[in-house]
Amino acid sequence: MTEQNFQTASDIAYMIISQKIIDGEFLPGMKLSRRKMAEVTGVSVIPVIEALKRLEEDRLVESKPQWGSFVAVPTLEKIKKSYQLREAIECQSARILAETMTEEQKSILMVIATELDTIPYKAETQIDSRNSHLMFHTRLTEFTDNHLLVDTLRKINLFWMLCKAIGTNAPKNVYPRYWHRYLVEEIAKGDPDHAEQVMRQHINDSLITIIAAEEHNI
C-alpha cells in the first residue's frame, strides 16, 4: 500500500459516517453515539471522536455540550448563509476561469456538463445527478488553481448534499436541459464580469430549489 492510499481508522470512520449522512441514512438531528458509530464503522471510539470533530468542521455534524454529536439540521438560515459563501467562491472562480480557462479544461467541463444536463429526472438517477453536479462544480473551481477556493467549496458541497438528501420528496424543479453547458460556454467567452453574472444566476436558481425543498419539509 502506498503512502498516498494509506487510510487511518479516523479516515475510515469519517468516510463511512459522512456517506451515511449524505445518503440520508443518518437523518438530520440523529444522535451519533460514539459507541454506536464505532460499531457501525468497525473502528475504536478514539478514531470515531476524531472523525466526528472533522465532520463538525465540515458542518455535517453539530456538537451539543453534555449531549453529544448530532447530524446537522439544515435550517433555512444556515442554507442561505451557506449559499452566500458558495456564491462568493463560485463567482470568483468564474471570473478567474474567464481569463485563464484552456481549451482542454473547457472540453473536460463540457463532458461533465453534458452528462449532467442529460441525466433523466428519475428517482433512480438522483445519486448519479448529485455526483455529476458535485464533480462539475469541483472541477470548475479546481481549474482556478486556488486551493483555498477548492477546500472551502468542498465543505459547502457537503452541506449542499445534506440538504439534497432530505429533499427527495420535495416538489420537482426542472432545470433547463442546457443549464451547465450554457454556463461553460458563457465563461469561455472571456469576459470576467459576464462570467460572474451568469454564475450568480446559476447559483441563485439552485438556491431557490433547495429552499423550496426545505420549506416543503417544514
N, C-alpha and C. Protein backbone atom coordinates (compact mmCIF):
# COMPACT_ATOMS: atom_id res chain seq x y z
N MET A 1 0.85 -1.20 0.00
CA MET A 1 0.00 0.00 0.00
C MET A 1 0.88 1.25 0.00
N THR A 2 0.64 2.18 -0.89
CA THR A 2 1.43 3.39 -0.95
C THR A 2 0.99 4.36 0.12
N GLU A 3 1.89 5.31 0.43
CA GLU A 3 1.55 6.30 1.45
C GLU A 3 0.34 7.11 1.04
N GLN A 4 0.19 7.35 -0.26
CA GLN A 4 -0.93 8.15 -0.76
C GLN A 4 -2.26 7.46 -0.53
N ASN A 5 -2.26 6.11 -0.58
CA ASN A 5 -3.50 5.36 -0.42
C ASN A 5 -3.76 4.95 1.03
N PHE A 6 -2.82 5.25 1.92
CA PHE A 6 -2.97 4.84 3.32
C PHE A 6 -4.12 5.59 3.97
N GLN A 7 -4.95 4.87 4.70
CA GLN A 7 -6.07 5.47 5.40
C GLN A 7 -6.01 5.11 6.87
N THR A 8 -6.15 6.10 7.71
CA THR A 8 -6.18 5.86 9.15
C THR A 8 -7.58 5.38 9.55
N ALA A 9 -7.69 4.90 10.78
CA ALA A 9 -9.00 4.48 11.29
C ALA A 9 -9.95 5.68 11.32
N SER A 10 -9.40 6.85 11.61
CA SER A 10 -10.21 8.07 11.63
C SER A 10 -10.74 8.39 10.23
N ASP A 11 -9.89 8.18 9.20
CA ASP A 11 -10.31 8.41 7.82
C ASP A 11 -11.48 7.49 7.45
N ILE A 12 -11.35 6.23 7.85
CA ILE A 12 -12.39 5.24 7.54
C ILE A 12 -13.70 5.62 8.20
N ALA A 13 -13.63 5.99 9.49
CA ALA A 13 -14.84 6.38 10.22
C ALA A 13 -15.46 7.61 9.59
N TYR A 14 -14.62 8.57 9.20
CA TYR A 14 -15.11 9.80 8.58
C TYR A 14 -15.87 9.48 7.29
N MET A 15 -15.28 8.66 6.44
CA MET A 15 -15.89 8.35 5.15
C MET A 15 -17.21 7.62 5.32
N ILE A 16 -17.26 6.65 6.22
CA ILE A 16 -18.48 5.88 6.41
C ILE A 16 -19.60 6.73 6.98
N ILE A 17 -19.30 7.50 8.02
CA ILE A 17 -20.33 8.32 8.64
C ILE A 17 -20.81 9.41 7.69
N SER A 18 -19.87 10.09 7.02
CA SER A 18 -20.26 11.17 6.11
C SER A 18 -21.12 10.64 4.97
N GLN A 19 -20.79 9.44 4.45
CA GLN A 19 -21.57 8.87 3.36
C GLN A 19 -22.99 8.54 3.80
N LYS A 20 -23.12 8.04 5.02
CA LYS A 20 -24.45 7.70 5.53
C LYS A 20 -25.28 8.96 5.76
N ILE A 21 -24.62 10.06 6.13
CA ILE A 21 -25.33 11.33 6.28
C ILE A 21 -25.77 11.85 4.92
N ILE A 22 -24.85 11.83 3.97
CA ILE A 22 -25.13 12.35 2.63
C ILE A 22 -26.21 11.53 1.92
N ASP A 23 -26.21 10.21 2.17
CA ASP A 23 -27.19 9.33 1.53
C ASP A 23 -28.55 9.38 2.23
N GLY A 24 -28.63 10.10 3.35
CA GLY A 24 -29.90 10.21 4.05
C GLY A 24 -30.20 9.06 4.98
N GLU A 25 -29.23 8.17 5.19
CA GLU A 25 -29.43 7.06 6.13
C GLU A 25 -29.39 7.56 7.57
N PHE A 26 -28.47 8.51 7.84
CA PHE A 26 -28.43 9.19 9.12
C PHE A 26 -29.12 10.53 8.94
N LEU A 27 -30.31 10.68 9.47
CA LEU A 27 -31.13 11.86 9.21
C LEU A 27 -30.74 13.04 10.10
N PRO A 28 -31.04 14.27 9.66
CA PRO A 28 -30.76 15.45 10.46
C PRO A 28 -31.36 15.34 11.86
N GLY A 29 -30.54 15.69 12.85
CA GLY A 29 -31.00 15.62 14.23
C GLY A 29 -30.69 14.30 14.92
N MET A 30 -30.29 13.29 14.14
CA MET A 30 -30.00 11.98 14.72
C MET A 30 -28.75 12.06 15.60
N LYS A 31 -28.82 11.45 16.78
CA LYS A 31 -27.66 11.43 17.68
C LYS A 31 -26.66 10.40 17.18
N LEU A 32 -25.39 10.80 17.15
CA LEU A 32 -24.32 9.92 16.69
C LEU A 32 -23.52 9.46 17.90
N SER A 33 -24.04 8.46 18.57
CA SER A 33 -23.36 7.91 19.75
C SER A 33 -21.97 7.40 19.36
N ARG A 34 -20.97 7.76 20.14
CA ARG A 34 -19.60 7.34 19.83
C ARG A 34 -19.49 5.82 19.79
N ARG A 35 -20.09 5.17 20.76
CA ARG A 35 -20.03 3.70 20.81
C ARG A 35 -20.76 3.09 19.62
N LYS A 36 -21.92 3.64 19.29
CA LYS A 36 -22.68 3.12 18.16
C LYS A 36 -21.92 3.36 16.85
N MET A 37 -21.31 4.53 16.71
CA MET A 37 -20.56 4.83 15.50
C MET A 37 -19.33 3.93 15.38
N ALA A 38 -18.76 3.54 16.51
CA ALA A 38 -17.63 2.61 16.49
C ALA A 38 -18.08 1.26 15.95
N GLU A 39 -19.29 0.84 16.32
CA GLU A 39 -19.83 -0.43 15.83
C GLU A 39 -20.12 -0.34 14.33
N VAL A 40 -20.70 0.79 13.91
CA VAL A 40 -21.06 0.97 12.50
C VAL A 40 -19.85 1.01 11.60
N THR A 41 -18.80 1.68 12.06
CA THR A 41 -17.61 1.87 11.22
C THR A 41 -16.56 0.79 11.39
N GLY A 42 -16.65 0.01 12.45
CA GLY A 42 -15.68 -1.05 12.67
C GLY A 42 -14.35 -0.57 13.20
N VAL A 43 -14.33 0.60 13.82
CA VAL A 43 -13.09 1.11 14.43
C VAL A 43 -13.36 1.40 15.90
N SER A 44 -12.32 1.77 16.63
CA SER A 44 -12.48 2.05 18.06
C SER A 44 -13.06 3.44 18.28
N VAL A 45 -13.37 3.74 19.54
CA VAL A 45 -14.03 5.00 19.87
C VAL A 45 -13.15 6.22 19.60
N ILE A 46 -11.86 6.13 19.87
CA ILE A 46 -10.97 7.28 19.70
C ILE A 46 -10.95 7.78 18.24
N PRO A 47 -10.79 6.91 17.24
CA PRO A 47 -10.86 7.39 15.85
C PRO A 47 -12.23 7.97 15.50
N VAL A 48 -13.28 7.44 16.11
CA VAL A 48 -14.63 7.97 15.88
C VAL A 48 -14.72 9.40 16.40
N ILE A 49 -14.13 9.66 17.56
CA ILE A 49 -14.13 11.01 18.12
C ILE A 49 -13.43 11.97 17.17
N GLU A 50 -12.29 11.53 16.62
CA GLU A 50 -11.55 12.36 15.67
C GLU A 50 -12.38 12.61 14.41
N ALA A 51 -13.06 11.56 13.94
CA ALA A 51 -13.89 11.69 12.74
C ALA A 51 -15.05 12.65 12.97
N LEU A 52 -15.68 12.59 14.14
CA LEU A 52 -16.80 13.47 14.45
C LEU A 52 -16.35 14.93 14.53
N LYS A 53 -15.13 15.16 14.99
CA LYS A 53 -14.60 16.52 15.02
C LYS A 53 -14.42 17.05 13.60
N ARG A 54 -13.92 16.20 12.71
CA ARG A 54 -13.76 16.60 11.30
C ARG A 54 -15.11 16.87 10.67
N LEU A 55 -16.08 16.04 10.97
CA LEU A 55 -17.42 16.21 10.42
C LEU A 55 -18.07 17.49 10.94
N GLU A 56 -17.75 17.86 12.16
CA GLU A 56 -18.26 19.11 12.71
C GLU A 56 -17.63 20.29 11.98
N GLU A 57 -16.33 20.19 11.68
CA GLU A 57 -15.65 21.24 10.92
C GLU A 57 -16.26 21.38 9.52
N ASP A 58 -16.73 20.25 8.97
CA ASP A 58 -17.36 20.25 7.64
C ASP A 58 -18.84 20.60 7.70
N ARG A 59 -19.34 20.84 8.90
CA ARG A 59 -20.73 21.27 9.13
C ARG A 59 -21.76 20.20 8.81
N LEU A 60 -21.33 18.95 8.82
CA LEU A 60 -22.29 17.85 8.68
C LEU A 60 -22.76 17.38 10.05
N VAL A 61 -22.02 17.73 11.08
CA VAL A 61 -22.32 17.31 12.45
C VAL A 61 -22.31 18.51 13.36
N GLU A 62 -23.19 18.49 14.36
CA GLU A 62 -23.24 19.55 15.36
C GLU A 62 -23.00 18.94 16.73
N SER A 63 -22.20 19.59 17.53
CA SER A 63 -21.90 19.11 18.87
C SER A 63 -22.66 19.93 19.90
N LYS A 64 -23.31 19.24 20.83
CA LYS A 64 -24.05 19.91 21.89
C LYS A 64 -23.44 19.51 23.23
N PRO A 65 -22.89 20.47 23.97
CA PRO A 65 -22.25 20.17 25.26
C PRO A 65 -23.17 19.35 26.16
N GLN A 66 -22.60 18.33 26.76
CA GLN A 66 -23.30 17.42 27.68
C GLN A 66 -24.28 16.48 26.98
N TRP A 67 -24.48 16.66 25.67
CA TRP A 67 -25.44 15.83 24.94
C TRP A 67 -24.77 14.95 23.88
N GLY A 68 -23.69 15.43 23.29
CA GLY A 68 -23.00 14.64 22.28
C GLY A 68 -23.08 15.24 20.89
N SER A 69 -22.90 14.38 19.89
CA SER A 69 -22.87 14.81 18.49
C SER A 69 -24.14 14.39 17.76
N PHE A 70 -24.61 15.26 16.87
CA PHE A 70 -25.83 15.03 16.13
C PHE A 70 -25.63 15.40 14.66
N VAL A 71 -26.37 14.75 13.78
CA VAL A 71 -26.36 15.15 12.37
C VAL A 71 -26.92 16.56 12.28
N ALA A 72 -26.22 17.41 11.53
CA ALA A 72 -26.63 18.82 11.42
C ALA A 72 -28.03 18.94 10.81
N VAL A 73 -28.77 19.90 11.31
CA VAL A 73 -30.11 20.21 10.79
C VAL A 73 -30.00 21.45 9.91
N PRO A 74 -30.21 21.31 8.59
CA PRO A 74 -30.06 22.45 7.67
C PRO A 74 -31.25 23.39 7.68
N THR A 75 -31.23 24.34 8.61
CA THR A 75 -32.30 25.33 8.68
C THR A 75 -32.21 26.28 7.49
N LEU A 76 -33.28 27.03 7.26
CA LEU A 76 -33.28 27.99 6.17
C LEU A 76 -32.18 29.04 6.34
N GLU A 77 -31.95 29.45 7.57
CA GLU A 77 -30.90 30.45 7.83
C GLU A 77 -29.53 29.90 7.45
N LYS A 78 -29.25 28.65 7.84
CA LYS A 78 -27.97 28.03 7.51
C LYS A 78 -27.82 27.86 6.00
N ILE A 79 -28.90 27.48 5.35
CA ILE A 79 -28.86 27.29 3.90
C ILE A 79 -28.53 28.59 3.19
N LYS A 80 -29.19 29.67 3.57
CA LYS A 80 -28.98 30.96 2.91
C LYS A 80 -27.55 31.46 3.14
N LYS A 81 -27.03 31.30 4.36
CA LYS A 81 -25.67 31.74 4.65
C LYS A 81 -24.65 30.90 3.89
N SER A 82 -24.92 29.60 3.78
CA SER A 82 -24.03 28.72 3.04
C SER A 82 -23.98 29.12 1.57
N TYR A 83 -25.13 29.47 1.02
CA TYR A 83 -25.18 29.85 -0.39
C TYR A 83 -24.59 31.22 -0.64
N GLN A 84 -24.58 32.07 0.35
CA GLN A 84 -23.89 33.35 0.21
C GLN A 84 -22.39 33.11 0.02
N LEU A 85 -21.86 32.16 0.80
CA LEU A 85 -20.44 31.83 0.67
C LEU A 85 -20.17 31.11 -0.64
N ARG A 86 -21.08 30.19 -1.02
CA ARG A 86 -20.91 29.48 -2.28
C ARG A 86 -20.93 30.46 -3.46
N GLU A 87 -21.81 31.43 -3.40
CA GLU A 87 -21.90 32.42 -4.47
C GLU A 87 -20.57 33.17 -4.60
N ALA A 88 -19.99 33.55 -3.46
CA ALA A 88 -18.72 34.28 -3.48
C ALA A 88 -17.61 33.42 -4.08
N ILE A 89 -17.54 32.16 -3.67
CA ILE A 89 -16.50 31.25 -4.15
C ILE A 89 -16.64 30.99 -5.65
N GLU A 90 -17.84 30.64 -6.09
CA GLU A 90 -18.02 30.23 -7.47
C GLU A 90 -18.03 31.41 -8.45
N CYS A 91 -18.49 32.56 -7.99
CA CYS A 91 -18.42 33.74 -8.86
C CYS A 91 -16.97 34.14 -9.07
N GLN A 92 -16.16 34.04 -8.01
CA GLN A 92 -14.75 34.35 -8.16
C GLN A 92 -14.07 33.32 -9.07
N SER A 93 -14.46 32.07 -8.94
CA SER A 93 -13.90 31.03 -9.81
C SER A 93 -14.25 31.31 -11.27
N ALA A 94 -15.48 31.73 -11.51
CA ALA A 94 -15.91 32.05 -12.88
C ALA A 94 -15.10 33.21 -13.44
N ARG A 95 -14.84 34.21 -12.62
CA ARG A 95 -14.06 35.35 -13.07
C ARG A 95 -12.64 34.92 -13.47
N ILE A 96 -12.04 34.08 -12.63
CA ILE A 96 -10.68 33.61 -12.91
C ILE A 96 -10.65 32.79 -14.20
N LEU A 97 -11.59 31.87 -14.32
CA LEU A 97 -11.60 31.00 -15.50
C LEU A 97 -11.91 31.76 -16.78
N ALA A 98 -12.67 32.83 -16.68
CA ALA A 98 -12.97 33.63 -17.88
C ALA A 98 -11.68 34.12 -18.53
N GLU A 99 -10.64 34.26 -17.73
CA GLU A 99 -9.37 34.77 -18.24
C GLU A 99 -8.30 33.69 -18.42
N THR A 100 -8.51 32.53 -17.79
CA THR A 100 -7.44 31.53 -17.80
C THR A 100 -7.82 30.17 -18.37
N MET A 101 -9.11 29.91 -18.59
CA MET A 101 -9.55 28.57 -18.98
C MET A 101 -8.95 28.16 -20.33
N THR A 102 -8.35 26.97 -20.37
CA THR A 102 -7.78 26.45 -21.60
C THR A 102 -8.83 25.65 -22.36
N GLU A 103 -8.54 25.33 -23.61
CA GLU A 103 -9.45 24.52 -24.41
C GLU A 103 -9.60 23.13 -23.81
N GLU A 104 -8.54 22.60 -23.25
CA GLU A 104 -8.61 21.28 -22.62
C GLU A 104 -9.52 21.31 -21.41
N GLN A 105 -9.40 22.35 -20.60
CA GLN A 105 -10.26 22.48 -19.43
C GLN A 105 -11.72 22.65 -19.83
N LYS A 106 -11.95 23.44 -20.88
CA LYS A 106 -13.31 23.63 -21.37
C LYS A 106 -13.89 22.30 -21.84
N SER A 107 -13.09 21.50 -22.54
CA SER A 107 -13.56 20.19 -23.04
C SER A 107 -13.93 19.27 -21.89
N ILE A 108 -13.11 19.27 -20.84
CA ILE A 108 -13.38 18.43 -19.67
C ILE A 108 -14.69 18.84 -19.01
N LEU A 109 -14.87 20.13 -18.83
CA LEU A 109 -16.09 20.64 -18.20
C LEU A 109 -17.31 20.36 -19.06
N MET A 110 -17.16 20.45 -20.38
CA MET A 110 -18.30 20.21 -21.26
C MET A 110 -18.74 18.75 -21.23
N VAL A 111 -17.79 17.83 -21.08
CA VAL A 111 -18.14 16.41 -20.98
C VAL A 111 -18.99 16.17 -19.73
N ILE A 112 -18.54 16.72 -18.61
CA ILE A 112 -19.29 16.56 -17.36
C ILE A 112 -20.63 17.27 -17.44
N ALA A 113 -20.62 18.48 -18.01
CA ALA A 113 -21.86 19.26 -18.14
C ALA A 113 -22.89 18.56 -19.01
N THR A 114 -22.43 17.95 -20.09
CA THR A 114 -23.34 17.23 -20.99
C THR A 114 -23.99 16.05 -20.28
N GLU A 115 -23.18 15.31 -19.54
CA GLU A 115 -23.73 14.18 -18.77
C GLU A 115 -24.73 14.69 -17.75
N LEU A 116 -24.38 15.76 -17.06
CA LEU A 116 -25.25 16.30 -16.03
C LEU A 116 -26.56 16.83 -16.61
N ASP A 117 -26.47 17.50 -17.74
CA ASP A 117 -27.66 18.09 -18.36
C ASP A 117 -28.59 17.06 -18.99
N THR A 118 -28.08 15.86 -19.24
CA THR A 118 -28.89 14.86 -19.95
C THR A 118 -29.31 13.68 -19.07
N ILE A 119 -28.94 13.69 -17.79
CA ILE A 119 -29.40 12.63 -16.88
C ILE A 119 -30.91 12.76 -16.71
N PRO A 120 -31.67 11.69 -16.91
CA PRO A 120 -33.13 11.76 -16.78
C PRO A 120 -33.55 12.15 -15.37
N TYR A 121 -34.66 12.86 -15.24
CA TYR A 121 -35.19 13.22 -13.93
C TYR A 121 -35.99 12.05 -13.37
N LYS A 122 -35.27 11.10 -12.77
CA LYS A 122 -35.91 9.92 -12.19
C LYS A 122 -35.32 9.65 -10.81
N ALA A 123 -36.10 8.97 -9.97
CA ALA A 123 -35.63 8.67 -8.62
C ALA A 123 -34.35 7.85 -8.63
N GLU A 124 -34.25 6.92 -9.59
CA GLU A 124 -33.08 6.04 -9.62
C GLU A 124 -31.82 6.73 -10.14
N THR A 125 -31.95 7.94 -10.67
CA THR A 125 -30.77 8.65 -11.17
C THR A 125 -30.36 9.80 -10.25
N GLN A 126 -30.99 9.92 -9.09
CA GLN A 126 -30.70 11.04 -8.20
C GLN A 126 -29.24 11.05 -7.74
N ILE A 127 -28.71 9.87 -7.42
CA ILE A 127 -27.33 9.80 -6.96
C ILE A 127 -26.37 10.14 -8.08
N ASP A 128 -26.63 9.64 -9.29
CA ASP A 128 -25.78 9.97 -10.44
C ASP A 128 -25.79 11.47 -10.71
N SER A 129 -26.96 12.07 -10.63
CA SER A 129 -27.09 13.51 -10.86
C SER A 129 -26.33 14.29 -9.80
N ARG A 130 -26.48 13.87 -8.55
CA ARG A 130 -25.77 14.54 -7.45
C ARG A 130 -24.27 14.47 -7.63
N ASN A 131 -23.78 13.28 -7.96
CA ASN A 131 -22.33 13.09 -8.12
C ASN A 131 -21.78 13.89 -9.31
N SER A 132 -22.53 13.91 -10.41
CA SER A 132 -22.09 14.68 -11.58
C SER A 132 -22.08 16.17 -11.28
N HIS A 133 -23.09 16.62 -10.55
CA HIS A 133 -23.16 18.03 -10.18
C HIS A 133 -21.98 18.41 -9.29
N LEU A 134 -21.68 17.56 -8.34
CA LEU A 134 -20.56 17.80 -7.45
C LEU A 134 -19.25 17.83 -8.23
N MET A 135 -19.08 16.89 -9.15
CA MET A 135 -17.86 16.82 -9.94
C MET A 135 -17.70 18.06 -10.81
N PHE A 136 -18.80 18.51 -11.41
CA PHE A 136 -18.74 19.67 -12.30
C PHE A 136 -18.24 20.91 -11.57
N HIS A 137 -18.87 21.23 -10.45
CA HIS A 137 -18.50 22.44 -9.73
C HIS A 137 -17.14 22.32 -9.05
N THR A 138 -16.78 21.10 -8.67
CA THR A 138 -15.46 20.89 -8.08
C THR A 138 -14.36 21.10 -9.10
N ARG A 139 -14.52 20.49 -10.28
CA ARG A 139 -13.50 20.65 -11.33
C ARG A 139 -13.40 22.10 -11.78
N LEU A 140 -14.54 22.76 -11.90
CA LEU A 140 -14.54 24.15 -12.32
C LEU A 140 -13.68 24.99 -11.37
N THR A 141 -13.85 24.74 -10.07
CA THR A 141 -13.07 25.50 -9.08
C THR A 141 -11.62 25.04 -9.03
N GLU A 142 -11.39 23.75 -9.22
CA GLU A 142 -10.01 23.24 -9.24
C GLU A 142 -9.19 23.89 -10.35
N PHE A 143 -9.83 24.19 -11.46
CA PHE A 143 -9.12 24.78 -12.59
C PHE A 143 -8.64 26.20 -12.32
N THR A 144 -9.08 26.81 -11.21
CA THR A 144 -8.57 28.13 -10.84
C THR A 144 -7.18 28.00 -10.22
N ASP A 145 -6.82 26.79 -9.80
CA ASP A 145 -5.54 26.52 -9.15
C ASP A 145 -5.42 27.26 -7.82
N ASN A 146 -6.56 27.55 -7.20
CA ASN A 146 -6.59 28.19 -5.89
C ASN A 146 -7.12 27.17 -4.88
N HIS A 147 -6.23 26.61 -4.09
CA HIS A 147 -6.62 25.53 -3.19
C HIS A 147 -7.53 25.99 -2.05
N LEU A 148 -7.44 27.26 -1.70
CA LEU A 148 -8.34 27.78 -0.67
C LEU A 148 -9.78 27.80 -1.18
N LEU A 149 -9.97 28.18 -2.43
CA LEU A 149 -11.30 28.15 -3.03
C LEU A 149 -11.83 26.72 -3.09
N VAL A 150 -10.97 25.80 -3.47
CA VAL A 150 -11.37 24.40 -3.61
C VAL A 150 -11.78 23.81 -2.28
N ASP A 151 -10.99 24.03 -1.23
CA ASP A 151 -11.28 23.45 0.08
C ASP A 151 -12.56 24.03 0.67
N THR A 152 -12.77 25.33 0.49
CA THR A 152 -13.98 25.96 1.00
C THR A 152 -15.22 25.43 0.28
N LEU A 153 -15.11 25.28 -1.04
CA LEU A 153 -16.24 24.76 -1.81
C LEU A 153 -16.55 23.32 -1.42
N ARG A 154 -15.52 22.54 -1.11
CA ARG A 154 -15.75 21.14 -0.71
C ARG A 154 -16.66 21.08 0.51
N LYS A 155 -16.42 21.92 1.48
CA LYS A 155 -17.25 21.93 2.69
C LYS A 155 -18.66 22.41 2.38
N ILE A 156 -18.76 23.41 1.52
CA ILE A 156 -20.08 23.91 1.14
C ILE A 156 -20.88 22.81 0.42
N ASN A 157 -20.19 22.05 -0.45
CA ASN A 157 -20.87 21.00 -1.20
C ASN A 157 -21.33 19.86 -0.31
N LEU A 158 -20.59 19.58 0.76
CA LEU A 158 -21.03 18.56 1.70
C LEU A 158 -22.35 18.96 2.34
N PHE A 159 -22.45 20.24 2.71
CA PHE A 159 -23.69 20.74 3.30
C PHE A 159 -24.81 20.72 2.27
N TRP A 160 -24.47 21.05 1.03
CA TRP A 160 -25.47 21.01 -0.04
C TRP A 160 -26.02 19.59 -0.22
N MET A 161 -25.12 18.59 -0.15
CA MET A 161 -25.57 17.21 -0.31
C MET A 161 -26.45 16.77 0.85
N LEU A 162 -26.17 17.28 2.04
CA LEU A 162 -27.04 17.00 3.17
C LEU A 162 -28.43 17.55 2.91
N CYS A 163 -28.50 18.77 2.38
CA CYS A 163 -29.79 19.37 2.05
C CYS A 163 -30.53 18.55 1.00
N LYS A 164 -29.81 18.09 -0.02
CA LYS A 164 -30.42 17.29 -1.07
C LYS A 164 -30.93 15.95 -0.53
N ALA A 165 -30.19 15.40 0.44
CA ALA A 165 -30.56 14.10 0.99
C ALA A 165 -31.92 14.12 1.67
N ILE A 166 -32.29 15.27 2.24
CA ILE A 166 -33.58 15.34 2.93
C ILE A 166 -34.65 15.99 2.06
N GLY A 167 -34.30 16.32 0.81
CA GLY A 167 -35.26 16.98 -0.07
C GLY A 167 -35.80 16.12 -1.17
N THR A 168 -35.63 14.79 -1.06
CA THR A 168 -36.02 13.90 -2.15
C THR A 168 -37.52 13.85 -2.36
N ASN A 169 -38.30 14.25 -1.35
CA ASN A 169 -39.76 14.21 -1.50
C ASN A 169 -40.34 15.58 -1.81
N ALA A 170 -39.46 16.53 -2.07
CA ALA A 170 -39.93 17.88 -2.38
C ALA A 170 -40.47 17.95 -3.80
N PRO A 171 -41.27 18.97 -4.08
CA PRO A 171 -41.75 19.14 -5.46
C PRO A 171 -40.57 19.24 -6.42
N LYS A 172 -40.66 18.61 -7.56
CA LYS A 172 -39.55 18.58 -8.50
C LYS A 172 -39.44 19.88 -9.28
N ASN A 173 -38.23 20.40 -9.34
CA ASN A 173 -37.95 21.59 -10.14
C ASN A 173 -37.16 21.16 -11.36
N VAL A 174 -37.65 21.45 -12.54
CA VAL A 174 -36.99 21.03 -13.76
C VAL A 174 -36.10 22.15 -14.28
N TYR A 175 -34.80 21.84 -14.37
CA TYR A 175 -33.84 22.83 -14.86
C TYR A 175 -33.81 22.81 -16.39
N PRO A 176 -33.37 23.93 -16.99
CA PRO A 176 -33.16 23.93 -18.44
C PRO A 176 -32.19 22.83 -18.83
N ARG A 177 -32.42 22.15 -19.92
CA ARG A 177 -31.60 21.00 -20.29
C ARG A 177 -30.22 21.40 -20.81
N TYR A 178 -29.95 22.68 -20.89
CA TYR A 178 -28.64 23.12 -21.33
C TYR A 178 -27.96 23.95 -20.24
N TRP A 179 -28.43 23.81 -19.03
CA TRP A 179 -28.07 24.67 -17.91
C TRP A 179 -26.56 24.77 -17.71
N HIS A 180 -25.87 23.63 -17.58
CA HIS A 180 -24.45 23.62 -17.25
C HIS A 180 -23.56 23.84 -18.49
N ARG A 181 -24.00 23.33 -19.63
CA ARG A 181 -23.24 23.59 -20.86
C ARG A 181 -23.27 25.08 -21.20
N TYR A 182 -24.41 25.70 -20.98
CA TYR A 182 -24.52 27.14 -21.20
C TYR A 182 -23.55 27.90 -20.29
N LEU A 183 -23.44 27.47 -19.04
CA LEU A 183 -22.54 28.12 -18.09
C LEU A 183 -21.09 28.05 -18.58
N VAL A 184 -20.67 26.88 -19.05
CA VAL A 184 -19.31 26.73 -19.55
C VAL A 184 -19.07 27.63 -20.76
N GLU A 185 -20.01 27.63 -21.68
CA GLU A 185 -19.87 28.43 -22.89
C GLU A 185 -19.76 29.92 -22.57
N GLU A 186 -20.54 30.38 -21.62
CA GLU A 186 -20.54 31.80 -21.28
C GLU A 186 -19.24 32.20 -20.57
N ILE A 187 -18.73 31.34 -19.70
CA ILE A 187 -17.45 31.62 -19.04
C ILE A 187 -16.33 31.66 -20.06
N ALA A 188 -16.40 30.76 -21.05
CA ALA A 188 -15.35 30.66 -22.07
C ALA A 188 -15.29 31.88 -22.99
N LYS A 189 -16.29 32.76 -22.94
CA LYS A 189 -16.27 33.95 -23.78
C LYS A 189 -15.19 34.94 -23.36
N GLY A 190 -14.68 34.77 -22.13
CA GLY A 190 -13.53 35.56 -21.72
C GLY A 190 -13.82 36.89 -21.05
N ASP A 191 -15.08 37.13 -20.69
CA ASP A 191 -15.45 38.38 -20.03
C ASP A 191 -15.72 38.09 -18.54
N PRO A 192 -14.82 38.48 -17.63
CA PRO A 192 -14.98 38.16 -16.21
C PRO A 192 -16.29 38.68 -15.61
N ASP A 193 -16.69 39.90 -15.98
CA ASP A 193 -17.93 40.46 -15.43
C ASP A 193 -19.14 39.64 -15.88
N HIS A 194 -19.16 39.27 -17.14
CA HIS A 194 -20.27 38.46 -17.66
C HIS A 194 -20.27 37.07 -17.04
N ALA A 195 -19.08 36.48 -16.90
CA ALA A 195 -18.96 35.15 -16.29
C ALA A 195 -19.49 35.16 -14.87
N GLU A 196 -19.15 36.20 -14.13
CA GLU A 196 -19.63 36.33 -12.75
C GLU A 196 -21.15 36.46 -12.72
N GLN A 197 -21.70 37.24 -13.62
CA GLN A 197 -23.15 37.44 -13.67
C GLN A 197 -23.88 36.13 -13.96
N VAL A 198 -23.39 35.38 -14.92
CA VAL A 198 -24.03 34.12 -15.29
C VAL A 198 -23.93 33.11 -14.15
N MET A 199 -22.77 33.05 -13.51
CA MET A 199 -22.60 32.13 -12.39
C MET A 199 -23.52 32.50 -11.23
N ARG A 200 -23.64 33.79 -10.96
CA ARG A 200 -24.52 34.23 -9.86
C ARG A 200 -25.96 33.80 -10.13
N GLN A 201 -26.41 33.92 -11.35
CA GLN A 201 -27.76 33.48 -11.70
C GLN A 201 -27.90 31.98 -11.52
N HIS A 202 -26.87 31.25 -11.92
CA HIS A 202 -26.86 29.79 -11.80
C HIS A 202 -26.97 29.38 -10.33
N ILE A 203 -26.20 30.01 -9.47
CA ILE A 203 -26.21 29.69 -8.05
C ILE A 203 -27.56 30.04 -7.43
N ASN A 204 -28.10 31.19 -7.77
CA ASN A 204 -29.37 31.62 -7.20
C ASN A 204 -30.52 30.72 -7.64
N ASP A 205 -30.48 30.23 -8.88
CA ASP A 205 -31.50 29.29 -9.34
C ASP A 205 -31.45 28.01 -8.52
N SER A 206 -30.24 27.56 -8.21
CA SER A 206 -30.07 26.35 -7.40
C SER A 206 -30.56 26.58 -5.98
N LEU A 207 -30.30 27.75 -5.44
CA LEU A 207 -30.74 28.08 -4.08
C LEU A 207 -32.25 28.03 -3.97
N ILE A 208 -32.94 28.50 -4.99
CA ILE A 208 -34.40 28.50 -4.98
C ILE A 208 -34.94 27.08 -4.81
N THR A 209 -34.32 26.11 -5.50
CA THR A 209 -34.81 24.73 -5.40
C THR A 209 -34.54 24.14 -4.02
N ILE A 210 -33.39 24.49 -3.43
CA ILE A 210 -33.07 23.99 -2.09
C ILE A 210 -34.03 24.57 -1.06
N ILE A 211 -34.31 25.85 -1.16
CA ILE A 211 -35.23 26.49 -0.22
C ILE A 211 -36.65 25.91 -0.36
N ALA A 212 -37.05 25.65 -1.62
CA ALA A 212 -38.36 25.05 -1.85
C ALA A 212 -38.45 23.69 -1.19
N ALA A 213 -37.36 22.91 -1.27
CA ALA A 213 -37.33 21.59 -0.65
C ALA A 213 -37.42 21.69 0.85
N GLU A 214 -36.67 22.64 1.43
CA GLU A 214 -36.68 22.80 2.88
C GLU A 214 -38.04 23.26 3.37
N GLU A 215 -38.67 24.20 2.68
CA GLU A 215 -39.99 24.68 3.07
C GLU A 215 -41.02 23.57 2.97
N HIS A 216 -40.83 22.67 2.00
CA HIS A 216 -41.74 21.54 1.83
C HIS A 216 -41.66 20.60 3.03
N ASN A 217 -40.48 20.54 3.67
CA ASN A 217 -40.29 19.61 4.78
C ASN A 217 -40.68 20.20 6.13
N ILE A 218 -40.96 21.52 6.16
CA ILE A 218 -41.33 22.15 7.42
C ILE A 218 -42.74 21.75 7.82
